[in-house]
Protein backbone atom coordinates (compact mmCIF):
# COMPACT_ATOMS: atom_id res chain seq x y z
CA MET A 1 -2.34 13.11 -10.85
CA VAL A 2 -1.74 12.42 -7.17
CA PHE A 3 -3.77 13.43 -4.13
CA SER A 4 -1.06 15.69 -2.71
CA SER A 5 -0.70 17.78 -5.88
CA THR A 6 -2.07 21.32 -6.14
CA VAL A 7 -3.96 20.39 -9.34
CA PHE A 8 -5.89 17.72 -7.46
CA LEU A 9 -6.47 19.70 -4.27
CA PHE A 10 -7.47 23.03 -5.80
CA LEU A 11 -9.01 22.09 -9.14
CA PHE A 12 -9.96 18.47 -9.72
CA LEU A 13 -11.41 17.49 -6.32
CA PRO A 14 -13.44 20.69 -5.69
CA ALA A 15 -14.88 20.61 -9.23
CA VAL A 16 -15.88 16.93 -9.01
CA ALA A 17 -17.28 17.28 -5.48
CA VAL A 18 -19.39 20.36 -6.31
CA LEU A 19 -20.82 18.74 -9.45
CA TYR A 20 -21.46 15.49 -7.57
CA TYR A 21 -23.55 17.20 -4.88
CA LEU A 22 -25.40 19.40 -7.36
CA ILE A 23 -26.55 16.42 -9.45
CA PRO A 24 -29.67 14.81 -7.94
CA GLU A 25 -29.87 11.58 -9.94
CA ARG A 26 -27.80 8.65 -8.69
CA HIS A 27 -27.01 7.23 -12.14
CA VAL A 28 -25.81 10.63 -13.35
CA LYS A 29 -23.59 10.86 -10.27
CA ASN A 30 -22.08 7.52 -11.26
CA ILE A 31 -21.44 8.72 -14.81
CA LEU A 32 -19.76 11.84 -13.43
CA LEU A 33 -17.48 9.75 -11.17
CA MET A 34 -16.65 7.39 -14.02
CA ILE A 35 -15.71 10.22 -16.40
CA ALA A 36 -13.78 12.03 -13.66
CA SER A 37 -11.90 8.85 -12.80
CA ILE A 38 -10.88 8.23 -16.42
CA LEU A 39 -9.70 11.85 -16.70
CA PHE A 40 -7.82 11.47 -13.40
CA TYR A 41 -5.89 8.49 -14.78
CA ALA A 42 -5.47 10.00 -18.24
CA TYR A 43 -3.84 13.08 -16.67
CA GLY A 44 -0.75 11.00 -15.91
CA GLU A 45 -1.20 8.12 -18.35
CA PRO A 46 -2.99 9.53 -21.46
CA PHE A 47 -2.36 6.48 -23.66
CA VAL A 48 -2.36 3.71 -21.06
CA VAL A 49 -5.92 4.63 -20.09
CA PHE A 50 -7.04 2.79 -23.24
CA LEU A 51 -5.20 -0.33 -22.05
CA MET A 52 -7.05 -0.15 -18.73
CA LEU A 53 -10.42 0.27 -20.46
CA ILE A 54 -9.70 -2.64 -22.85
CA SER A 55 -8.81 -4.79 -19.83
CA ILE A 56 -12.07 -3.86 -18.11
CA VAL A 57 -14.14 -4.71 -21.21
CA CYS A 58 -12.35 -8.06 -21.57
CA ASN A 59 -13.08 -9.00 -17.94
CA TYR A 60 -16.67 -7.79 -18.35
CA LEU A 61 -17.20 -10.04 -21.40
CA LEU A 62 -15.54 -13.00 -19.69
CA GLY A 63 -17.84 -12.46 -16.74
CA LEU A 64 -20.86 -12.53 -19.08
CA LEU A 65 -19.64 -15.80 -20.62
CA MET A 66 -20.01 -17.41 -17.20
CA GLN A 67 -23.78 -17.27 -17.61
CA LYS A 68 -23.29 -20.48 -19.60
CA GLU A 69 -22.32 -23.28 -17.24
CA LYS A 70 -20.14 -25.05 -19.81
CA LEU A 71 -18.05 -21.94 -20.34
CA ARG A 72 -17.50 -20.98 -16.69
CA LYS A 73 -14.11 -22.64 -16.19
CA PHE A 74 -12.99 -21.70 -19.69
CA SER A 75 -13.84 -18.05 -19.01
CA LEU A 76 -11.98 -18.14 -15.71
CA ILE A 77 -8.85 -19.58 -17.35
CA LEU A 78 -9.01 -16.95 -20.12
CA SER A 79 -9.37 -14.22 -17.51
CA LEU A 80 -6.34 -15.46 -15.56
CA ILE A 81 -4.28 -15.70 -18.75
CA TRP A 82 -5.31 -12.19 -19.81
CA ASN A 83 -4.76 -10.48 -16.45
CA LEU A 84 -1.57 -12.29 -15.47
CA GLY A 85 -0.31 -11.89 -19.04
CA LEU A 86 -0.92 -8.15 -18.78
CA LEU A 87 1.16 -7.99 -15.62
CA GLY A 88 3.77 -10.29 -17.14
CA VAL A 89 4.29 -8.12 -20.21
CA TYR A 90 4.20 -4.68 -18.63
CA LYS A 91 5.72 -5.41 -15.23
CA TYR A 92 7.94 -8.48 -15.49
CA ALA A 93 9.04 -8.90 -19.12
CA GLY A 94 12.39 -7.17 -18.60
CA PHE A 95 12.95 -8.97 -15.30
CA PHE A 96 12.42 -12.44 -16.82
CA VAL A 97 14.55 -11.67 -19.89
CA ARG A 98 17.42 -10.55 -17.65
CA MET A 99 17.09 -13.83 -15.75
CA LEU A 100 17.26 -15.81 -19.01
CA ASN A 101 20.31 -13.84 -20.12
CA VAL A 102 22.21 -15.22 -17.13
CA LEU A 103 22.25 -18.60 -18.88
CA PRO A 104 25.25 -19.38 -21.13
CA PHE A 105 24.87 -18.60 -24.86
CA VAL A 106 21.63 -16.70 -24.19
CA GLU A 107 21.38 -13.00 -24.97
CA PHE A 108 17.91 -11.66 -25.65
CA PRO A 109 17.33 -7.92 -25.97
CA VAL A 110 15.83 -6.60 -22.72
CA PRO A 111 12.49 -4.89 -23.43
CA GLU A 112 12.13 -1.41 -21.98
CA ILE A 113 8.39 -1.20 -21.36
CA PRO A 114 7.16 1.72 -19.22
CA LEU A 115 5.21 0.52 -16.19
CA PRO A 116 1.61 1.82 -16.24
CA ILE A 117 0.75 3.48 -12.93
CA GLY A 118 -1.53 1.36 -10.77
CA ILE A 119 -1.56 -1.68 -13.08
CA SER A 120 -1.10 -4.07 -10.14
CA PHE A 121 -4.09 -2.59 -8.35
CA PHE A 122 -6.64 -2.37 -11.16
CA THR A 123 -5.61 -5.80 -12.52
CA PHE A 124 -6.09 -7.45 -9.13
CA GLN A 125 -9.49 -5.82 -8.76
CA ALA A 126 -10.56 -7.12 -12.17
CA MET A 127 -9.31 -10.60 -11.29
CA SER A 128 -11.19 -10.62 -7.99
CA TYR A 129 -14.43 -9.74 -9.81
CA VAL A 130 -14.15 -12.61 -12.32
CA ILE A 131 -13.03 -15.13 -9.68
CA ASP A 132 -15.91 -14.19 -7.37
CA VAL A 133 -18.38 -14.52 -10.27
CA TYR A 134 -16.96 -17.98 -10.97
CA ARG A 135 -17.28 -18.97 -7.31
CA GLY A 136 -20.84 -17.72 -7.18
CA ASN A 137 -20.04 -15.15 -4.48
CA ILE A 138 -21.50 -12.30 -6.55
CA GLN A 139 -23.97 -11.85 -9.37
CA ILE A 140 -22.69 -11.20 -12.89
CA GLN A 141 -22.67 -7.46 -13.50
CA LYS A 142 -24.46 -6.89 -16.80
CA ASN A 143 -24.12 -3.12 -16.65
CA LEU A 144 -20.68 -2.32 -18.07
CA PHE A 145 -20.68 1.17 -16.58
CA TYR A 146 -20.91 -0.21 -13.03
CA LEU A 147 -17.85 -2.36 -13.65
CA VAL A 148 -15.95 0.54 -15.21
CA LEU A 149 -16.76 2.74 -12.19
CA TYR A 150 -15.76 -0.03 -9.76
CA ILE A 151 -12.31 -0.48 -11.30
CA THR A 152 -11.54 3.10 -12.35
CA PHE A 153 -12.91 4.93 -9.28
CA PHE A 154 -10.11 7.42 -8.72
CA PRO A 155 -9.69 7.25 -4.89
CA GLN A 156 -8.36 3.69 -5.08
CA LEU A 157 -7.26 3.47 -8.72
CA ILE A 158 -3.50 3.99 -8.71
CA ALA A 159 -2.33 2.85 -5.25
CA GLY A 160 -5.17 1.00 -3.61
CA PRO A 161 -6.46 -0.14 -1.28
CA ILE A 162 -7.55 -3.12 -3.39
CA VAL A 163 -11.34 -3.06 -3.19
CA LYS A 164 -13.19 -6.29 -3.93
CA TYR A 165 -16.35 -5.95 -6.01
CA LYS A 166 -18.48 -7.75 -3.44
CA ASP A 167 -17.59 -5.09 -0.84
CA ILE A 168 -19.09 -2.20 -2.82
CA GLU A 169 -21.58 -3.96 -5.12
CA GLN A 170 -24.58 -2.51 -3.28
CA GLN A 171 -22.97 0.93 -2.95
CA LEU A 172 -22.65 1.26 -6.72
CA ALA A 173 -26.43 1.07 -7.01
CA TYR A 174 -27.45 2.95 -3.85
CA ARG A 175 -25.55 5.40 -1.64
CA PRO A 176 -27.60 7.56 0.75
CA PHE A 177 -26.22 11.02 1.45
CA ARG A 178 -25.08 11.50 5.04
CA ALA A 179 -23.53 14.82 5.99
CA GLU A 180 -21.72 13.20 8.91
CA GLN A 181 -20.05 10.68 6.57
CA THR A 182 -18.97 13.45 4.21
CA ALA A 183 -17.50 15.52 7.06
CA HIS A 184 -15.70 12.47 8.41
CA GLY A 185 -14.36 11.73 4.93
CA ILE A 186 -12.92 15.24 4.63
CA LYS A 187 -11.27 14.91 8.03
CA ARG A 188 -9.90 11.45 7.14
CA PHE A 189 -8.49 12.84 3.88
CA ILE A 190 -6.73 15.67 5.74
CA TYR A 191 -5.25 13.19 8.22
CA GLY A 192 -3.88 11.14 5.34
CA LEU A 193 -2.52 14.22 3.56
CA SER A 194 -0.79 15.24 6.81
CA LYS A 195 0.78 11.80 7.19
CA LYS A 196 2.20 12.09 3.70
CA LEU A 197 3.38 15.71 3.67
CA LEU A 198 4.21 16.43 7.31
CA ILE A 199 5.76 13.09 8.28
CA ALA A 200 6.62 10.79 5.36
CA ASP A 201 8.14 13.50 3.17
CA ILE A 202 10.26 14.89 6.00
CA VAL A 203 11.68 11.54 7.16
CA SER A 204 12.30 10.62 3.50
CA ILE A 205 15.03 13.28 3.20
CA PRO A 206 17.71 11.35 5.17
CA VAL A 207 16.53 8.11 3.53
CA GLU A 208 17.35 9.46 0.06
CA HIS A 209 20.72 10.78 1.23
CA ILE A 210 21.77 7.62 3.08
CA PHE A 211 20.70 5.09 0.46
CA SER A 212 22.59 7.06 -2.19
CA LEU A 213 25.91 6.93 -0.29
CA GLN A 214 28.89 5.02 -1.62
CA ARG A 215 29.71 1.78 0.17
CA GLU A 216 32.74 3.21 1.97
CA GLU A 217 30.73 6.24 3.13
CA LEU A 218 28.11 4.23 5.01
CA THR A 219 28.58 3.95 8.77
CA CYS A 220 26.66 1.86 11.29
CA ALA A 221 24.79 4.89 12.69
CA LEU A 222 23.82 6.10 9.21
CA ALA A 223 22.69 2.62 8.15
CA TRP A 224 20.41 2.33 11.18
CA MET A 225 19.16 5.86 10.67
CA GLY A 226 18.30 5.16 7.02
CA ALA A 227 16.59 1.86 7.83
CA ILE A 228 14.50 3.25 10.70
CA CYS A 229 13.53 6.37 8.75
CA TYR A 230 12.45 4.28 5.76
CA THR A 231 10.37 2.01 8.01
CA LEU A 232 8.51 5.08 9.24
CA GLN A 233 8.41 6.68 5.78
CA ILE A 234 6.78 3.73 4.03
CA TYR A 235 4.16 3.37 6.77
CA PHE A 236 3.12 7.02 6.86
CA ASP A 237 3.38 7.35 3.08
CA PHE A 238 1.22 4.35 2.27
CA SER A 239 -1.18 4.50 5.23
CA GLY A 240 -1.53 8.21 4.47
CA TYR A 241 -2.51 7.40 0.89
CA SER A 242 -4.96 4.77 2.15
CA ASP A 243 -6.48 7.29 4.57
CA MET A 244 -6.94 9.75 1.71
CA ALA A 245 -8.51 7.06 -0.48
CA ILE A 246 -10.91 5.97 2.28
CA GLY A 247 -11.74 9.61 3.05
CA LEU A 248 -12.42 10.39 -0.61
CA GLY A 249 -14.62 7.32 -0.82
CA GLU A 250 -16.68 8.60 2.12
CA ILE A 251 -17.00 12.04 0.51
CA PHE A 252 -18.69 10.36 -2.46
CA GLY A 253 -20.76 7.95 -0.34
CA PHE A 254 -18.56 4.83 -0.51
CA THR A 255 -17.26 2.86 2.45
CA PHE A 256 -13.93 1.09 1.93
CA ARG A 257 -12.40 -1.37 4.35
CA GLU A 258 -9.42 -0.33 6.45
CA ASN A 259 -5.99 -1.01 4.96
CA PHE A 260 -3.79 -0.45 8.04
CA ASN A 261 -4.42 -1.08 11.73
CA TYR A 262 -1.30 0.19 13.52
CA PRO A 263 0.97 -2.64 12.34
CA TYR A 264 3.97 -1.31 14.30
CA SER A 265 2.16 -2.08 17.55
CA SER A 266 2.27 -5.81 16.74
CA GLY A 267 3.84 -8.42 19.01
CA SER A 268 4.70 -10.84 16.19
CA MET A 269 5.20 -10.89 12.45
CA THR A 270 2.00 -12.93 12.14
CA GLU A 271 0.09 -10.11 13.83
CA PHE A 272 1.97 -7.55 11.74
CA TRP A 273 0.67 -9.11 8.54
CA ARG A 274 -2.89 -9.01 9.86
CA LYS A 275 -2.49 -5.24 10.22
CA TRP A 276 -0.21 -4.23 7.31
CA HIS A 277 -1.61 -3.54 3.81
CA ILE A 278 -4.70 -5.54 4.74
CA SER A 279 -6.26 -5.36 1.29
CA VAL A 280 -3.37 -7.06 -0.51
CA SER A 281 -2.75 -9.64 2.24
CA THR A 282 -6.44 -10.64 2.26
CA TRP A 283 -6.43 -10.72 -1.55
CA PHE A 284 -3.59 -13.23 -1.59
CA LYS A 285 -5.21 -15.18 1.23
CA GLU A 286 -8.56 -15.47 -0.55
CA TYR A 287 -7.37 -15.98 -4.12
CA LEU A 288 -4.07 -17.86 -3.68
CA TYR A 289 -3.57 -19.22 -0.14
CA PHE A 290 -7.01 -20.83 0.20
CA PRO A 291 -6.95 -22.38 -3.34
CA LEU A 292 -3.55 -23.88 -2.49
CA GLY A 293 -5.13 -25.61 0.48
CA GLY A 294 -4.53 -23.02 3.18
CA ASN A 295 -3.86 -24.72 6.51
CA ARG A 296 -6.12 -27.69 5.81
CA LYS A 297 -3.42 -30.12 4.58
CA GLY A 298 -1.05 -30.36 7.49
CA LYS A 299 1.61 -28.13 8.98
CA VAL A 300 4.30 -28.76 6.36
CA ARG A 301 1.92 -27.98 3.50
CA THR A 302 0.73 -24.88 5.37
CA VAL A 303 4.29 -23.58 5.61
CA ILE A 304 4.90 -24.27 1.90
CA ASN A 305 1.67 -22.48 1.01
CA LYS A 306 2.72 -19.46 3.06
CA TRP A 307 6.12 -19.39 1.37
CA ILE A 308 4.43 -19.46 -2.04
CA VAL A 309 2.07 -16.65 -1.04
CA PHE A 310 4.89 -14.48 0.28
CA PHE A 311 7.03 -15.16 -2.78
CA PHE A 312 4.27 -13.78 -4.98
CA THR A 313 3.51 -10.99 -2.49
CA GLY A 314 7.10 -9.84 -2.85
CA LEU A 315 7.06 -10.24 -6.63
CA TRP A 316 3.78 -8.31 -6.82
CA HIS A 317 5.59 -5.27 -5.40
CA GLY A 318 8.05 -5.15 -8.26
CA ALA A 319 10.33 -6.90 -10.74
CA ASN A 320 13.39 -6.95 -8.51
CA TRP A 321 14.98 -9.67 -6.41
CA THR A 322 14.96 -7.30 -3.43
CA PHE A 323 11.17 -7.54 -3.32
CA VAL A 324 11.22 -11.31 -3.67
CA ILE A 325 13.74 -11.66 -0.83
CA TRP A 326 11.63 -9.29 1.26
CA GLY A 327 8.60 -11.50 0.70
CA LEU A 328 10.48 -14.72 1.47
CA LEU A 329 11.98 -13.21 4.64
CA ASN A 330 8.50 -12.32 5.89
CA GLY A 331 7.33 -15.84 5.04
CA GLY A 332 10.37 -17.19 6.90
CA PHE A 333 9.50 -15.27 10.07
CA LEU A 334 5.93 -16.56 9.90
CA MET A 335 7.24 -20.12 9.48
CA LEU A 336 9.52 -19.74 12.53
CA GLU A 337 6.59 -18.42 14.54
CA SER A 338 4.21 -21.17 13.41
CA TYR A 339 6.72 -23.82 14.52
CA GLU A 340 7.26 -21.83 17.75
CA ILE A 341 11.00 -21.61 17.06
CA ILE A 342 10.35 -17.96 17.80
CA PRO A 343 7.95 -18.44 20.77
CA VAL A 344 5.70 -15.43 20.23
CA LYS A 345 2.70 -17.13 21.87
CA LYS A 346 4.65 -17.67 25.08
CA MET A 347 5.84 -14.06 24.97
CA GLN A 348 2.25 -12.83 25.17
CA LYS A 349 1.76 -14.41 28.61
CA SER A 350 3.73 -11.76 30.51
CA ARG A 351 4.28 -8.02 30.33
CA PHE A 352 8.01 -8.49 29.81
CA GLY A 353 7.35 -11.09 27.12
CA LYS A 354 4.97 -8.75 25.29
CA CYS A 355 7.61 -6.03 25.37
CA LEU A 356 10.19 -8.50 24.06
CA GLY A 357 7.81 -9.63 21.30
CA HIS A 358 7.22 -6.04 20.26
CA ILE A 359 10.97 -5.32 20.10
CA TYR A 360 11.55 -8.48 18.06
CA THR A 361 8.78 -7.54 15.62
CA ILE A 362 10.04 -3.99 15.08
CA LEU A 363 13.60 -5.23 14.49
CA ALA A 364 12.33 -7.88 12.06
CA VAL A 365 10.27 -5.28 10.18
CA ILE A 366 13.26 -2.91 9.95
CA PHE A 367 15.48 -5.79 8.83
CA CYS A 368 13.03 -6.73 6.05
CA PHE A 369 12.31 -3.19 4.88
CA THR A 370 16.03 -2.51 4.51
CA ILE A 371 16.28 -5.00 1.63
CA PHE A 372 12.92 -3.74 0.32
CA ARG A 373 14.32 -0.22 -0.02
CA ALA A 374 17.72 -1.24 -1.40
CA GLU A 375 18.40 -0.71 -5.10
CA ASN A 376 19.77 -4.24 -5.41
CA LEU A 377 20.73 -7.24 -3.29
CA GLN A 378 24.34 -6.09 -2.98
CA GLN A 379 23.31 -2.78 -1.42
CA GLY A 380 20.85 -4.51 0.89
CA MET A 381 23.48 -6.99 2.08
CA HIS A 382 25.94 -4.15 2.64
CA PHE A 383 23.38 -2.30 4.76
CA TRP A 384 22.80 -5.42 6.86
CA ARG A 385 26.54 -5.94 7.39
CA THR A 386 27.03 -2.30 8.32
CA MET A 387 24.06 -2.33 10.72
CA ALA A 388 25.64 -5.38 12.38
CA GLY A 389 28.90 -3.46 12.85
CA PHE A 390 30.87 -5.00 9.99
CA GLY A 391 31.03 -1.96 7.71
CA ILE A 392 34.09 -1.00 5.71
CA ALA A 393 34.18 2.76 6.43
CA ASP A 394 37.67 4.04 7.34
CA GLU A 395 38.40 6.74 9.94
CA MET A 396 38.00 9.60 7.48
CA HIS A 397 34.65 8.32 6.23
CA ARG A 398 33.49 7.67 9.80
CA LYS A 399 34.07 11.35 10.58
CA ILE A 400 32.26 12.37 7.41
CA GLY A 401 29.43 9.97 8.29
CA LEU A 402 29.17 11.42 11.80
CA SER A 403 28.96 14.96 10.45
CA LEU A 404 26.25 13.85 7.97
CA PHE A 405 24.37 12.08 10.77
CA LEU A 406 24.43 15.21 12.94
CA LYS A 407 23.44 17.37 9.96
CA GLU A 408 20.38 15.21 9.27
CA CYS A 409 19.37 15.33 12.95
CA ASN A 410 18.05 18.90 12.86
CA SER A 411 15.25 20.05 15.14
CA LEU A 412 12.49 19.61 12.53
CA PHE A 413 13.62 16.06 11.80
CA LEU A 414 13.82 15.11 15.49
CA ILE A 415 10.36 16.52 16.23
CA THR A 416 8.92 14.75 13.18
CA MET A 417 10.53 11.45 14.23
CA LEU A 418 9.04 11.77 17.72
CA ILE A 419 5.58 12.47 16.28
CA ALA A 420 5.96 9.58 13.82
CA ILE A 421 6.87 7.12 16.57
CA ILE A 422 3.98 8.27 18.78
CA PHE A 423 1.36 8.07 16.03
CA SER A 424 2.60 4.75 14.64
CA VAL A 425 0.91 3.13 17.66
CA PRO A 426 -2.80 3.49 18.62
CA VAL A 427 -2.32 6.43 21.00
CA LYS A 428 -5.33 8.16 19.40
CA ASN A 429 -7.58 5.22 20.31
CA ARG A 430 -6.30 5.25 23.88
CA ILE A 431 -6.98 8.97 24.25
CA ALA A 432 -10.48 8.50 22.82
CA GLY A 433 -11.08 5.78 25.43
CA TYR A 434 -10.93 8.38 28.22
CA PHE A 435 -13.85 10.31 26.68
CA ARG A 436 -16.75 8.05 27.61
CA THR A 437 -19.69 10.40 28.13
CA GLU A 438 -21.62 11.77 25.17
CA LYS A 439 -20.66 15.33 26.10
CA ALA A 440 -16.98 14.40 26.24
CA LYS A 441 -17.20 12.55 22.91
CA THR A 442 -18.86 15.58 21.27
CA LEU A 443 -16.10 17.82 22.64
CA LEU A 444 -13.41 15.45 21.36
CA GLN A 445 -15.05 15.35 17.94
CA GLY A 446 -15.15 19.13 17.78
CA VAL A 447 -11.48 19.34 18.73
CA SER A 448 -10.60 16.78 16.06
CA TYR A 449 -12.30 18.86 13.33
CA VAL A 450 -10.58 22.04 14.47
CA GLY A 451 -7.29 20.15 14.59
CA SER A 452 -7.83 18.84 11.06
CA LEU A 453 -8.21 22.43 9.81
CA GLY A 454 -4.91 23.29 11.48
CA LEU A 455 -3.26 20.31 9.81
CA LEU A 456 -4.69 21.36 6.45
CA PHE A 457 -3.18 24.82 6.91
CA LEU A 458 0.24 23.27 7.65
CA CYS A 459 -0.08 21.02 4.57
CA LEU A 460 -0.84 24.00 2.36
CA LEU A 461 2.18 25.83 3.76
CA TYR A 462 4.32 22.79 2.99
CA LEU A 463 2.96 22.59 -0.56
CA SER A 464 3.63 26.28 -1.10
CA SER A 465 7.33 25.63 -0.46
CA GLY A 466 7.42 23.58 -3.67
CA THR A 467 8.71 20.47 -1.89
CA TYR A 468 7.26 17.25 -3.28
CA SER A 469 8.05 13.57 -3.33
CA PRO A 470 5.90 10.93 -5.08
CA PHE A 471 3.99 8.22 -3.23
CA ILE A 472 6.09 5.10 -2.77
CA TYR A 473 3.36 2.70 -3.88
CA LEU A 474 2.84 4.47 -7.20
CA ASN A 475 5.87 2.42 -8.32
CA PHE A 476 4.10 -0.88 -7.65
């Protein structure tokens, strides 16, 4: 079940919300959310839900073992083996076997194991809980139902954001009802739904067409169009999902941390990664980068640590070399910036330099996301060559490509692209800055709620057309 489906919007969410607000007792509310979350996951993964519950129980028991000082490190090691082994079997087994089969005289059968939806997210949440217990950052949770609710809670279960246990530990036990928070959560959910349906899904249409073209059919204009559209698609798709998850959390009294902060307004790749998919970047920083030594062991070691982190960040996204290369490319840009080979700090000292830094960052992001979207390295390399003007399209295919380009550039697409570009930067925050008096702020808030109802109406019209595309991050 996904947030943009009619089953979720018209059946599941209203039923759960009504029951939640009718039930007075907090612990019964928690039981309701836990059962609803398990049903939410079971709707799409009826058998894998047992795997998720077994994983939660294992991490719960390993957390309890840490009450004995002599078993703390042993429990941590077992937890890492279990969780990483789970990812290794279900997500990377086929990938590693294919790598081994490259060797001479080696030919193992490649396992075809279906990837459970959201396994990367709920496994990382379980790992963060056990690691934080080991570090002494949180108390051991002796109530299994709290841990089950924390990991299975449906707003963030299948595509994040990754919520650390310490961030919502108190909220599991006590969540005061605030009508303003609930209203804001509904509005935030509608904003996220609009990002997904009214922007990401529309710009995804040329992406699917262009990335499915034959090599000789791809022209420079089409390659750039596909790469730019995908860069906008993945942002509005994933930030839209995060907005919906955060909004749903608020509806049920939870406060999640932000996952995106207008990353396309960044003036460097370093800044970009402080604003893009914040939950996963902070997870790797806290649980991999810092244990490796962070930036405390000299500049060379810092660069190596960042490369390691970005290698695993790329691999976390999927068992494909395109993701690994994407991660290493991002790590490479951060290395060039840290050594000031790309002088982003100097760029920030003048208006022209800031503009130049922003252009560089956007081009670097587009360059990286092109290989991220490609089916394989060969297609990604071909896109790069074509974008650089070294494509292989002949005159006939250039004419076909031009006609396809013009066909994709219909009025709806052009308007959507303009809206996407405008709202990929913090224009909303700038507009809000002009409303400084309380009366003006109240007026702006009222307009925003009316506007959200208009957006909801447009989303429902879009859904009624039967058009649907899945969330990108459900694949990770």
